[in-house]
Amino acid sequence: MRIFKLLLLLSSITLWAQPFSSRKNYSETDTLRGSNTEYRKGWDVRHYDLVIEPDFNTQSIKGINVIKFDVDESPVIQIDLQHPMAIDSIFTSDSISVPFIKKGNFYYLTLTGYFKNNTKNNELRIYFSGKPVVAKKAPWDGGWIFTRDENNNHWMTVACEGEGASIWFPCKDYLGDEPEEGATITICTDRNLKGVGNGKLIKTTEDKEKTYYTWQVVNPINNYNIIPYIGDYVNFSDTYIGEKGTLQLEYWVLPYNLDKAKDQFKQVKEMLQALEYWFGPYPFYEDGYKLVEAPHLGMEHQSAIAYGNGYINGYSGYDRSGTGVGLNWDFIIVHESGHEWFGNSISNADVADMWIHEAFATYSETLFVEYHYGKKAADEYIVGQRKNIQNDIPIIGLYGVHQEGSSDMYDKGANMLHTIRQIIDDDDKFRDILRGLNKEFYHQTVTTRQIENYISQKSGMDLSKIFDQYLRTPRIPTLIYYIDKGISYQWVNVIPDFTMEINTSIGKIKPTTQWKSAKITQGTCFSVDKNYYIDVRNINKTGDRCKSQR
């Protein structure tokens, strides 16, 4: 009877999903993957307790995930696990088998008769196995990585930000519901290898053939940040005295890179010094800070950042700004650590708002440069990043269907923040806003509107048109002007009623979408402060006598 009722409830999914799936040909699967469905709303994940055993030779995984959760009123819940991985069985904490129905990458089970409504600390024990998707080019495509190090030892991990954690383990794969009590991951390895996970190592046990490493995170964590690393690791440690006291620093690297790591990772303290100044205390003192050498470039895995930058400065030895400034420091250490504040502590609830992660983390590079190398170098760096901007589609994606916006969320998003900083025109206030964001939304999932409203409120300015222009259109505000006795100017290529005050060579002006004029001294050369991300065009028939900045 429970299965019959479950089938009746599931029959409503297609009708429920139609308003979303009819837009831009998004499918029912997209809606079930990307939205807070009726099968997700009624229960709240408290904790994940994962035990996994990867097999290098077969490129397969088997494991158990114990999900602790609170339930409101939810007769049917949705568990996510993407093909070709599969759920084998589900049990309650009393070892009672719970039936389920599989529909694509989603598993549905009825809670009625197993758990009472409005109860806390319930548990489901989920057994799973299969051959996970293998990444072709991690971290840009998601999946497991089965490779070998230079000594021919097995080396395994996973990167799954875009595809989601359900690409390899069963979970509630919705960014808006992080396990408030954190997660535990036990990694089973061959005796000659080590397993490294998020947080702190709380237990190691051995049998005749295997070693079990148990790691614990006590803070909330994104599903895609729960990551095992398995390899022939050695480790060394340090401490950092920061704003919340003593922070434990741990580094896990391949043995032949140990000396290089000890030298390169000295930059971690410089990074922490700068980013704590701008953003406030590192958000996970209880879980420590860790860099783990990985067979891909890098990822912001909370308290266990993947590092694969080759122990060289820049972005694989390249400066993304083209100015040379980025070659003075290690891009992965700074950018991925910036995500500990924006991405891991402050997390977007819908992937459409991923700019919250990437714009602030990208801007953390500029703030790091400013702290250690000065404002002139920082301004050069952020302006240099504009060459990477495409202005193809809006930065914000489509809500409810697991759809990101433009990759411009990185460099354009950072330049939007830099532009807002110029509008506020008070660096102390701007720093207070950054630190305030990390207090107000500490360990929370948020929306774009929450971030926008906070910045507008604390700056004392209505910045809604600025956010709309840069986040919701691919157009760059263009200031057109001409000089004929005086100067006339207006904004074009902008949303209705757009206005923004800017610093220029003739002082502050506040153009609108209507022509405005001002008196200038004959022969004056007009230019705009390069720190605003805008286009500037002289429409005089005689041509542009002054070099405009963008």
Protein backbone atom coordinates (compact mmCIF):
# COMPACT_ATOMS: atom_id res chain seq x y z
CA MET A 1 0.00 0.00 0.00
CA ARG A 2 2.88 2.40 0.78
CA ILE A 3 4.38 1.79 -2.68
CA PHE A 4 0.96 2.34 -4.29
CA LYS A 5 0.56 5.68 -2.49
CA LEU A 6 4.10 6.60 -3.48
CA LEU A 7 3.33 5.93 -7.16
CA LEU A 8 0.22 8.12 -6.97
CA LEU A 9 2.24 10.98 -5.48
CA LEU A 10 4.98 10.61 -8.07
CA SER A 11 2.47 10.74 -10.91
CA SER A 12 2.05 14.47 -10.13
CA ILE A 13 5.71 15.29 -10.82
CA THR A 14 5.34 15.94 -14.55
CA LEU A 15 2.41 18.35 -14.13
CA TRP A 16 4.15 20.11 -11.27
CA ALA A 17 7.34 20.58 -13.31
CA GLN A 18 5.73 21.90 -16.51
CA PRO A 19 5.93 25.64 -15.70
CA PHE A 20 9.71 25.32 -15.48
CA SER A 21 10.43 22.67 -18.11
CA SER A 22 8.49 24.59 -20.77
CA ARG A 23 11.01 27.45 -20.59
CA LYS A 24 14.03 27.16 -22.89
CA ASN A 25 13.31 23.44 -23.22
CA TYR A 26 14.44 22.63 -19.70
CA SER A 27 13.41 19.14 -18.74
CA GLU A 28 11.61 17.63 -15.79
CA THR A 29 14.98 16.31 -14.67
CA ASP A 30 16.42 19.85 -14.68
CA THR A 31 13.61 21.03 -12.42
CA LEU A 32 13.90 18.10 -10.01
CA ARG A 33 17.67 18.59 -9.92
CA GLY A 34 17.73 22.36 -9.46
CA SER A 35 14.75 23.38 -7.36
CA ASN A 36 13.51 22.98 -3.84
CA THR A 37 10.82 20.49 -4.83
CA GLU A 38 7.92 19.39 -2.69
CA TYR A 39 10.01 16.26 -2.08
CA ARG A 40 12.80 18.34 -0.56
CA LYS A 41 10.96 21.02 1.40
CA GLY A 42 9.58 18.81 4.16
CA TRP A 43 12.85 17.51 5.56
CA ASP A 44 16.07 19.14 6.71
CA VAL A 45 19.48 17.43 6.62
CA ARG A 46 21.41 17.68 9.89
CA HIS A 47 24.49 15.52 9.24
CA TYR A 48 26.11 13.16 6.73
CA ASP A 49 28.19 10.19 7.91
CA LEU A 50 29.91 8.71 4.86
CA VAL A 51 31.97 5.54 4.63
CA ILE A 52 33.51 4.92 1.21
CA GLU A 53 35.80 2.35 -0.35
CA PRO A 54 37.03 3.19 -3.86
CA ASP A 55 38.54 0.45 -6.02
CA PHE A 56 41.24 1.80 -8.33
CA ASN A 57 41.40 -1.25 -10.61
CA THR A 58 37.68 -1.35 -11.37
CA GLN A 59 37.20 2.42 -10.99
CA SER A 60 34.24 1.75 -8.76
CA ILE A 61 32.99 2.83 -5.33
CA LYS A 62 30.93 1.21 -2.64
CA GLY A 63 29.80 2.95 0.50
CA ILE A 64 27.26 3.88 3.12
CA ASN A 65 25.79 7.29 3.86
CA VAL A 66 23.94 7.74 7.14
CA ILE A 67 21.77 10.83 6.84
CA LYS A 68 20.54 12.44 10.05
CA PHE A 69 17.56 14.68 9.41
CA ASP A 70 14.54 16.47 10.84
CA VAL A 71 11.17 15.89 9.23
CA ASP A 72 8.25 18.31 9.10
CA GLU A 73 5.39 16.91 7.04
CA SER A 74 6.72 15.06 4.04
CA PRO A 75 5.06 11.78 3.03
CA VAL A 76 7.58 11.33 0.19
CA ILE A 77 11.20 12.54 0.04
CA GLN A 78 13.70 12.69 -2.81
CA ILE A 79 17.25 11.30 -2.55
CA ASP A 80 19.63 12.16 -5.40
CA LEU A 81 22.21 9.82 -6.93
CA GLN A 82 23.26 10.10 -10.54
CA HIS A 83 23.62 7.17 -12.94
CA PRO A 84 25.67 4.98 -13.19
CA MET A 85 25.89 5.04 -9.38
CA ALA A 86 22.99 3.26 -7.70
CA ILE A 87 21.35 2.90 -4.31
CA ASP A 88 21.36 -0.75 -3.25
CA SER A 89 19.24 -0.55 -0.10
CA ILE A 90 17.93 1.83 2.55
CA PHE A 91 17.34 1.12 6.24
CA THR A 92 16.21 3.00 9.32
CA SER A 93 18.44 3.17 12.39
CA ASP A 94 16.43 0.16 13.66
CA SER A 95 17.49 -1.83 10.58
CA ILE A 96 14.03 -1.73 9.05
CA SER A 97 14.19 -1.81 5.25
CA VAL A 98 12.64 1.21 3.54
CA PRO A 99 11.31 0.63 0.00
CA PHE A 100 12.01 3.19 -2.72
CA ILE A 101 11.26 3.94 -6.34
CA LYS A 102 13.94 5.04 -8.79
CA LYS A 103 13.11 7.58 -11.46
CA GLY A 104 16.17 8.63 -13.43
CA ASN A 105 18.71 10.12 -11.06
CA PHE A 106 16.17 10.43 -8.25
CA TYR A 107 15.03 7.98 -5.61
CA TYR A 108 11.72 8.45 -3.83
CA LEU A 109 10.74 6.90 -0.52
CA THR A 110 7.76 7.36 1.72
CA LEU A 111 8.42 8.30 5.33
CA THR A 112 4.89 7.49 6.49
CA GLY A 113 4.99 4.50 8.82
CA TYR A 114 8.74 4.85 9.39
CA PHE A 115 9.10 8.36 10.81
CA LYS A 116 6.64 10.61 12.58
CA ASN A 117 5.96 14.15 11.39
CA ASN A 118 7.64 17.01 13.26
CA THR A 119 10.44 14.88 14.65
CA LYS A 120 14.18 15.50 14.88
CA ASN A 121 17.37 13.46 14.55
CA ASN A 122 15.94 10.71 12.38
CA GLU A 123 18.33 8.51 10.41
CA LEU A 124 18.44 6.75 7.08
CA ARG A 125 21.26 4.33 6.30
CA ILE A 126 21.80 4.24 2.55
CA TYR A 127 24.01 1.61 0.88
CA PHE A 128 25.26 2.50 -2.59
CA SER A 129 27.73 1.28 -5.21
CA GLY A 130 28.75 1.61 -8.83
CA LYS A 131 31.22 3.12 -11.25
CA PRO A 132 31.05 6.90 -10.93
CA VAL A 133 31.47 9.24 -13.87
CA VAL A 134 35.18 9.75 -14.50
CA ALA A 135 36.25 13.34 -15.09
CA LYS A 136 37.79 14.00 -18.48
CA LYS A 137 39.26 17.37 -17.56
CA ALA A 138 38.81 18.07 -13.86
CA PRO A 139 37.90 20.40 -12.30
CA TRP A 140 36.09 21.91 -15.31
CA ASP A 141 34.02 18.77 -15.78
CA GLY A 142 32.88 16.83 -12.75
CA GLY A 143 33.73 13.29 -11.79
CA TRP A 144 36.16 10.97 -10.12
CA ILE A 145 39.84 10.97 -10.93
CA PHE A 146 41.72 7.68 -10.98
CA THR A 147 45.35 8.29 -11.84
CA ARG A 148 48.90 7.52 -10.70
CA ASP A 149 51.58 9.75 -9.23
CA GLU A 150 55.17 9.95 -10.51
CA ASN A 151 56.06 6.90 -8.40
CA ASN A 152 53.24 4.89 -10.00
CA ASN A 153 51.16 4.86 -6.82
CA HIS A 154 47.38 5.04 -7.01
CA TRP A 155 46.03 8.57 -6.67
CA MET A 156 42.30 9.24 -6.43
CA THR A 157 39.90 12.08 -5.68
CA VAL A 158 36.80 13.79 -7.05
CA ALA A 159 35.75 17.27 -8.19
CA CYS A 160 32.02 17.85 -8.64
CA GLU A 161 31.03 21.49 -8.12
CA GLY A 162 28.99 21.82 -11.32
CA GLU A 163 27.52 18.34 -11.43
CA GLY A 164 26.86 18.10 -7.71
CA ALA A 165 27.79 15.58 -5.02
CA SER A 166 25.10 13.17 -6.20
CA ILE A 167 27.45 12.31 -9.04
CA TRP A 168 29.06 9.90 -6.56
CA PHE A 169 27.15 9.61 -3.25
CA PRO A 170 23.45 9.69 -2.29
CA CYS A 171 22.36 12.94 -0.68
CA LYS A 172 19.90 15.77 -0.78
CA ASP A 173 21.74 17.48 -3.61
CA TYR A 174 20.30 20.94 -3.13
CA LEU A 175 22.58 23.87 -2.27
CA GLY A 176 19.93 25.45 -0.09
CA ASP A 177 20.14 22.67 2.51
CA GLU A 178 23.57 22.17 4.03
CA PRO A 179 23.99 19.72 6.93
CA GLU A 180 24.02 22.12 9.86
CA GLU A 181 26.02 19.72 12.04
CA GLY A 182 28.63 19.06 9.39
CA ALA A 183 29.79 15.73 8.07
CA THR A 184 32.00 12.75 8.81
CA ILE A 185 33.82 10.83 6.09
CA THR A 186 35.63 7.54 6.60
CA ILE A 187 37.96 6.66 3.74
CA CYS A 188 39.02 3.04 3.25
CA THR A 189 42.43 2.71 1.56
CA ASP A 190 45.11 0.14 0.83
CA ARG A 191 47.66 -0.01 3.62
CA ASN A 192 50.34 1.76 1.56
CA LEU A 193 48.10 4.80 0.91
CA LYS A 194 46.52 7.50 3.03
CA GLY A 195 43.00 8.93 2.96
CA VAL A 196 42.53 12.65 3.53
CA GLY A 197 39.17 14.36 4.03
CA ASN A 198 37.59 17.58 5.22
CA GLY A 199 38.08 18.89 8.72
CA LYS A 200 40.18 17.09 11.31
CA LEU A 201 41.35 13.50 11.52
CA ILE A 202 39.56 11.96 14.49
CA LYS A 203 40.32 8.26 14.09
CA THR A 204 42.53 5.82 12.20
CA THR A 205 41.97 2.06 12.31
CA GLU A 206 43.57 -0.85 10.47
CA ASP A 207 42.84 -4.43 9.53
CA LYS A 208 45.03 -6.90 7.66
CA GLU A 209 44.74 -5.18 4.30
CA LYS A 210 43.06 -1.80 4.74
CA THR A 211 43.35 1.43 6.70
CA TYR A 212 40.32 3.52 7.65
CA TYR A 213 40.76 7.29 8.05
CA THR A 214 37.86 9.14 9.68
CA TRP A 215 37.63 12.91 9.23
CA GLN A 216 35.10 15.23 10.81
CA VAL A 217 33.72 18.66 9.92
CA VAL A 218 31.68 20.26 12.67
CA ASN A 219 30.50 23.26 10.64
CA PRO A 220 27.88 23.33 7.87
CA ILE A 221 29.31 22.26 4.51
CA ASN A 222 28.25 22.27 0.85
CA ASN A 223 27.67 18.75 -0.48
CA TYR A 224 30.11 19.27 -3.35
CA ASN A 225 32.83 20.20 -0.85
CA ILE A 226 32.78 16.81 0.89
CA ILE A 227 35.77 15.22 -0.79
CA PRO A 228 38.13 12.27 -0.23
CA TYR A 229 41.76 12.32 -1.38
CA ILE A 230 43.61 9.01 -1.57
CA GLY A 231 47.32 8.79 -2.32
CA ASP A 232 50.85 8.28 -1.07
CA TYR A 233 50.67 11.42 1.05
CA VAL A 234 53.04 12.85 3.61
CA ASN A 235 52.02 15.75 5.78
CA PHE A 236 53.41 18.65 7.76
CA SER A 237 51.66 21.21 9.93
CA ASP A 238 51.88 24.75 11.27
CA THR A 239 49.74 27.21 13.20
CA TYR A 240 48.49 30.71 12.48
CA ILE A 241 47.54 33.20 15.17
CA GLY A 242 44.53 34.95 13.69
CA GLU A 243 41.48 36.94 14.67
CA LYS A 244 39.82 34.00 16.45
CA GLY A 245 42.96 32.61 18.06
CA THR A 246 45.10 29.68 16.94
CA LEU A 247 44.26 28.15 13.57
CA GLN A 248 45.67 24.71 12.78
CA LEU A 249 47.29 24.53 9.32
CA GLU A 250 47.76 21.11 7.70
CA TYR A 251 49.39 20.24 4.40
CA TRP A 252 49.18 16.86 2.64
CA VAL A 253 51.45 16.45 -0.38
CA LEU A 254 53.21 13.78 -2.40
CA PRO A 255 56.58 12.90 -0.86
CA TYR A 256 58.73 14.06 -3.77
CA ASN A 257 57.11 17.53 -3.53
CA LEU A 258 57.58 17.97 0.21
CA ASP A 259 60.43 20.50 0.06
CA LYS A 260 58.71 22.57 -2.62
CA ALA A 261 55.47 22.52 -0.63
CA LYS A 262 57.18 23.71 2.54
CA ASP A 263 58.50 26.71 0.65
CA GLN A 264 55.43 27.54 -1.48
CA PHE A 265 52.91 27.12 1.31
CA LYS A 266 54.54 29.87 3.34
CA GLN A 267 52.17 32.07 1.35
CA VAL A 268 49.20 30.66 3.28
CA LYS A 269 49.89 32.92 6.26
CA GLU A 270 50.20 35.94 3.96
CA MET A 271 46.84 35.01 2.43
CA LEU A 272 45.17 34.60 5.83
CA GLN A 273 46.59 37.89 7.05
CA ALA A 274 45.16 39.76 4.05
CA LEU A 275 41.78 38.05 3.79
CA GLU A 276 41.08 38.18 7.52
CA TYR A 277 41.73 41.91 7.33
CA TRP A 278 39.20 42.37 4.54
CA PHE A 279 36.61 39.67 5.26
CA GLY A 280 36.90 38.97 8.98
CA PRO A 281 37.98 35.79 10.76
CA TYR A 282 38.57 32.61 8.77
CA PRO A 283 35.14 30.96 9.03
CA PHE A 284 36.19 27.44 10.07
CA TYR A 285 38.67 27.65 12.94
CA GLU A 286 37.09 24.56 14.51
CA ASP A 287 37.82 22.48 11.38
CA GLY A 288 41.25 23.90 10.63
CA TYR A 289 42.76 24.94 7.30
CA LYS A 290 44.24 22.39 4.93
CA LEU A 291 45.82 22.22 1.48
CA VAL A 292 45.84 18.80 -0.19
CA GLU A 293 47.85 18.10 -3.34
CA ALA A 294 45.47 17.01 -6.09
CA PRO A 295 45.83 15.70 -9.66
CA HIS A 296 43.89 18.70 -10.98
CA LEU A 297 44.42 22.47 -10.76
CA GLY A 298 42.37 23.22 -7.66
CA MET A 299 39.00 23.46 -5.95
CA GLU A 300 37.61 25.20 -2.87
CA HIS A 301 36.83 22.06 -0.88
CA GLN A 302 36.00 23.39 2.57
CA SER A 303 38.88 23.02 5.07
CA ALA A 304 40.60 20.68 2.57
CA ILE A 305 41.40 22.81 -0.48
CA ALA A 306 42.57 20.91 -3.55
CA TYR A 307 45.95 22.22 -4.69
CA GLY A 308 47.42 21.36 -8.10
CA ASN A 309 49.20 24.53 -9.19
CA GLY A 310 52.62 22.91 -9.49
CA TYR A 311 54.18 24.89 -6.60
CA ILE A 312 54.65 27.93 -8.82
CA ASN A 313 53.20 31.44 -8.70
CA GLY A 314 50.43 32.69 -10.92
CA TYR A 315 47.73 30.55 -12.48
CA SER A 316 49.84 27.58 -13.60
CA GLY A 317 52.64 30.06 -14.13
CA TYR A 318 50.41 32.51 -16.04
CA ASP A 319 49.08 35.89 -14.92
CA ARG A 320 45.39 36.11 -15.79
CA SER A 321 45.52 39.91 -15.56
CA GLY A 322 48.33 40.22 -18.09
CA THR A 323 50.02 42.83 -15.90
CA GLY A 324 52.69 40.71 -14.23
CA VAL A 325 51.18 41.44 -10.81
CA GLY A 326 49.69 37.96 -10.60
CA LEU A 327 53.09 36.30 -10.87
CA ASN A 328 54.07 37.47 -7.38
CA TRP A 329 51.84 34.96 -5.59
CA ASP A 330 50.14 31.59 -5.97
CA PHE A 331 46.71 32.01 -7.58
CA ILE A 332 45.25 28.75 -6.23
CA ILE A 333 46.22 29.49 -2.63
CA VAL A 334 44.55 32.91 -2.75
CA HIS A 335 41.51 32.33 -4.96
CA GLU A 336 40.43 28.96 -3.58
CA SER A 337 40.99 30.16 -0.02
CA GLY A 338 38.84 33.20 -0.77
CA HIS A 339 36.02 30.73 -1.24
CA GLU A 340 36.20 29.75 2.41
CA TRP A 341 34.46 33.06 3.10
CA PHE A 342 32.39 33.39 -0.08
CA GLY A 343 31.22 30.00 -1.27
CA ASN A 344 31.73 27.86 1.81
CA SER A 345 30.63 30.09 4.68
CA ILE A 346 28.32 32.30 2.60
CA SER A 347 26.78 29.94 0.04
CA ASN A 348 24.25 30.54 -2.70
CA ALA A 349 21.00 28.58 -2.33
CA ASP A 350 20.48 28.28 -6.10
CA VAL A 351 23.26 27.62 -8.60
CA ALA A 352 21.90 30.55 -10.66
CA ASP A 353 23.43 32.82 -8.00
CA MET A 354 26.89 31.28 -8.24
CA TRP A 355 28.33 34.76 -8.80
CA ILE A 356 28.18 35.19 -5.02
CA HIS A 357 30.90 32.52 -4.78
CA GLU A 358 32.98 33.50 -7.77
CA ALA A 359 32.85 37.31 -7.91
CA PHE A 360 33.90 37.75 -4.29
CA ALA A 361 36.55 35.01 -4.49
CA THR A 362 37.96 36.61 -7.63
CA TYR A 363 37.93 40.02 -5.96
CA SER A 364 39.79 38.50 -3.01
CA GLU A 365 42.78 38.32 -5.37
CA THR A 366 42.69 42.10 -5.81
CA LEU A 367 42.28 42.65 -2.07
CA PHE A 368 45.24 40.33 -1.38
CA VAL A 369 47.35 42.35 -3.83
CA GLU A 370 46.29 45.63 -2.27
CA TYR A 371 47.13 44.42 1.25
CA HIS A 372 50.63 43.21 0.34
CA TYR A 373 51.62 45.20 -2.77
CA GLY A 374 49.64 48.44 -2.58
CA LYS A 375 46.58 49.99 -4.15
CA LYS A 376 48.22 50.92 -7.44
CA ALA A 377 49.18 47.30 -8.13
CA ALA A 378 45.70 46.13 -7.06
CA ASP A 379 43.99 48.57 -9.44
CA GLU A 380 46.23 47.43 -12.28
CA TYR A 381 45.41 43.81 -11.52
CA ILE A 382 41.61 44.18 -11.46
CA VAL A 383 41.57 46.35 -14.60
CA GLY A 384 43.82 43.82 -16.33
CA GLN A 385 41.29 41.06 -15.67
CA ARG A 386 38.78 42.78 -17.94
CA LYS A 387 40.42 41.25 -20.99
CA ASN A 388 38.88 37.92 -19.93
CA ILE A 389 35.29 39.22 -19.93
CA GLN A 390 32.99 38.04 -22.73
CA ASN A 391 29.70 39.86 -21.99
CA ASP A 392 27.86 37.00 -23.64
CA ILE A 393 24.89 36.28 -21.35
CA PRO A 394 23.79 37.56 -17.92
CA ILE A 395 25.85 36.57 -14.89
CA ILE A 396 22.75 35.30 -13.07
CA GLY A 397 21.39 32.07 -14.51
CA LEU A 398 17.86 30.68 -14.60
CA TYR A 399 16.45 29.78 -11.21
CA GLY A 400 15.07 26.39 -10.34
CA VAL A 401 16.71 24.31 -13.08
CA HIS A 402 20.36 24.05 -11.95
CA GLN A 403 21.51 26.58 -14.54
CA GLU A 404 24.52 28.84 -13.96
CA GLY A 405 24.91 32.17 -15.69
CA SER A 406 27.90 33.42 -17.67
CA SER A 407 31.46 32.57 -16.72
CA ASP A 408 31.77 36.36 -16.48
CA MET A 409 30.67 35.80 -12.87
CA TYR A 410 34.43 35.69 -12.13
CA ASP A 411 36.13 38.69 -13.73
CA LYS A 412 33.08 40.81 -14.55
CA GLY A 413 31.61 40.05 -11.14
CA ALA A 414 34.84 41.17 -9.47
CA ASN A 415 34.93 44.33 -11.57
CA MET A 416 31.32 45.05 -10.60
CA LEU A 417 32.37 44.89 -6.94
CA HIS A 418 35.33 47.15 -7.69
CA THR A 419 33.00 49.60 -9.42
CA ILE A 420 30.63 49.59 -6.43
CA ARG A 421 33.63 50.30 -4.24
CA GLN A 422 34.30 53.44 -6.31
CA ILE A 423 30.65 54.49 -6.02
CA ILE A 424 30.74 54.12 -2.23
CA ASP A 425 34.01 56.09 -2.28
CA ASP A 426 34.90 55.17 1.29
CA ASP A 427 37.32 52.26 1.68
CA ASP A 428 36.70 51.95 5.40
CA LYS A 429 32.97 51.62 4.81
CA PHE A 430 33.57 49.16 1.97
CA ARG A 431 35.72 46.99 4.24
CA ASP A 432 33.06 47.18 6.95
CA ILE A 433 30.51 45.93 4.40
CA LEU A 434 32.70 42.96 3.43
CA ARG A 435 33.27 42.04 7.05
CA GLY A 436 29.62 42.69 7.84
CA LEU A 437 28.50 40.27 5.12
CA ASN A 438 30.56 37.58 6.81
CA LYS A 439 28.88 38.30 10.14
CA GLU A 440 25.33 38.67 8.88
CA PHE A 441 25.40 35.57 6.64
CA TYR A 442 27.93 33.46 8.55
CA HIS A 443 27.46 29.78 7.65
CA GLN A 444 24.26 30.50 5.73
CA THR A 445 22.82 29.88 2.28
CA VAL A 446 21.66 33.10 0.65
CA THR A 447 20.11 34.67 -2.44
CA THR A 448 21.37 37.45 -4.66
CA ARG A 449 18.69 39.78 -3.30
CA GLN A 450 19.92 39.31 0.25
CA ILE A 451 23.46 40.27 -0.75
CA GLU A 452 22.26 43.22 -2.86
CA ASN A 453 20.00 44.55 -0.14
CA TYR A 454 22.68 44.28 2.52
CA ILE A 455 25.25 46.20 0.46
CA SER A 456 22.71 48.89 -0.46
CA GLN A 457 21.56 49.24 3.14
CA LYS A 458 25.03 49.45 4.67
CA SER A 459 26.36 51.80 1.99
CA GLY A 460 23.36 54.10 2.39
CA MET A 461 22.83 53.99 -1.38
CA ASP A 462 20.25 52.39 -3.64
CA LEU A 463 22.49 50.19 -5.77
CA SER A 464 19.66 48.14 -7.30
CA LYS A 465 20.16 49.56 -10.80
CA ILE A 466 23.88 48.83 -10.63
CA PHE A 467 23.24 45.20 -9.71
CA ASP A 468 20.52 44.87 -12.36
CA GLN A 469 22.80 46.26 -15.05
CA TYR A 470 25.86 44.14 -14.31
CA LEU A 471 24.23 40.91 -13.11
CA ARG A 472 21.07 40.67 -15.20
CA THR A 473 22.21 41.99 -18.58
CA PRO A 474 25.37 41.34 -20.62
CA ARG A 475 25.62 45.04 -21.52
CA ILE A 476 28.30 47.38 -20.22
CA PRO A 477 27.24 50.93 -19.36
CA THR A 478 28.56 53.24 -22.04
CA LEU A 479 29.17 56.92 -21.39
CA ILE A 480 28.93 58.92 -24.58
CA TYR A 481 29.98 62.58 -24.62
CA TYR A 482 30.96 65.42 -26.87
CA ILE A 483 32.72 68.71 -26.26
CA ASP A 484 31.42 71.87 -27.85
CA LYS A 485 32.10 74.92 -25.67
CA GLY A 486 30.98 72.78 -22.72
CA ILE A 487 30.70 69.01 -22.31
CA SER A 488 27.51 67.00 -22.82
CA TYR A 489 27.14 63.40 -21.70
CA GLN A 490 24.68 60.57 -21.07
CA TRP A 491 24.51 56.81 -20.43
CA VAL A 492 23.58 54.45 -23.27
CA ASN A 493 23.49 50.66 -23.51
CA VAL A 494 21.86 50.61 -20.07
CA ILE A 495 18.61 49.55 -18.42
CA PRO A 496 15.83 52.16 -18.02
CA ASP A 497 16.46 54.86 -15.41
CA PHE A 498 20.08 53.79 -14.95
CA THR A 499 22.29 56.33 -13.21
CA MET A 500 25.73 56.07 -11.68
CA GLU A 501 28.04 58.72 -10.30
CA ILE A 502 31.62 58.51 -11.58
CA ASN A 503 34.95 60.24 -10.99
CA THR A 504 36.32 62.09 -14.00
CA SER A 505 39.07 64.52 -14.87
CA ILE A 506 36.58 67.36 -14.35
CA GLY A 507 35.36 66.04 -10.99
CA LYS A 508 32.39 63.87 -10.04
CA ILE A 509 29.51 63.71 -12.50
CA LYS A 510 26.25 61.77 -12.32
CA PRO A 511 25.09 60.96 -15.86
CA THR A 512 21.61 59.60 -16.56
CA THR A 513 19.94 58.24 -19.69
CA GLN A 514 19.18 61.87 -20.66
CA TRP A 515 21.71 64.38 -21.92
CA LYS A 516 23.33 66.54 -19.25
CA SER A 517 25.83 69.34 -19.71
CA ALA A 518 28.59 70.99 -17.74
CA LYS A 519 30.99 73.86 -18.24
CA ILE A 520 34.64 73.05 -18.82
CA THR A 521 37.70 75.12 -19.53
CA GLN A 522 38.58 75.35 -23.20
CA GLY A 523 41.13 72.70 -24.18
CA THR A 524 40.30 70.42 -21.24
CA CYS A 525 40.97 66.76 -21.90
CA PHE A 526 38.13 64.63 -20.51
CA SER A 527 38.71 61.17 -19.08
CA VAL A 528 37.06 58.79 -16.61
CA ASP A 529 38.66 56.99 -13.67
CA LYS A 530 39.70 53.58 -15.04
CA ASN A 531 38.47 51.81 -11.90
CA TYR A 532 34.88 51.98 -13.14
CA TYR A 533 34.02 49.09 -15.44
CA ILE A 534 32.35 51.09 -18.21
CA ASP A 535 32.87 52.08 -21.85
CA VAL A 536 33.62 55.71 -22.65
CA ARG A 537 33.13 57.13 -26.16
CA ASN A 538 33.73 60.61 -27.52
CA ILE A 539 31.17 61.14 -30.29
CA ASN A 540 32.72 64.39 -31.56
CA LYS A 541 32.95 64.29 -35.33
CA THR A 542 36.52 65.47 -35.02
CA GLY A 543 37.42 62.27 -33.19
CA ASP A 544 38.60 61.43 -29.71
CA ARG A 545 41.29 63.84 -28.56
CA CYS A 546 41.72 62.06 -25.23
CA LYS A 547 42.47 58.45 -24.49
CA SER A 548 39.47 56.93 -22.74
CA GLN A 549 39.82 54.17 -20.22
CA ARG A 550 37.69 51.09 -19.90
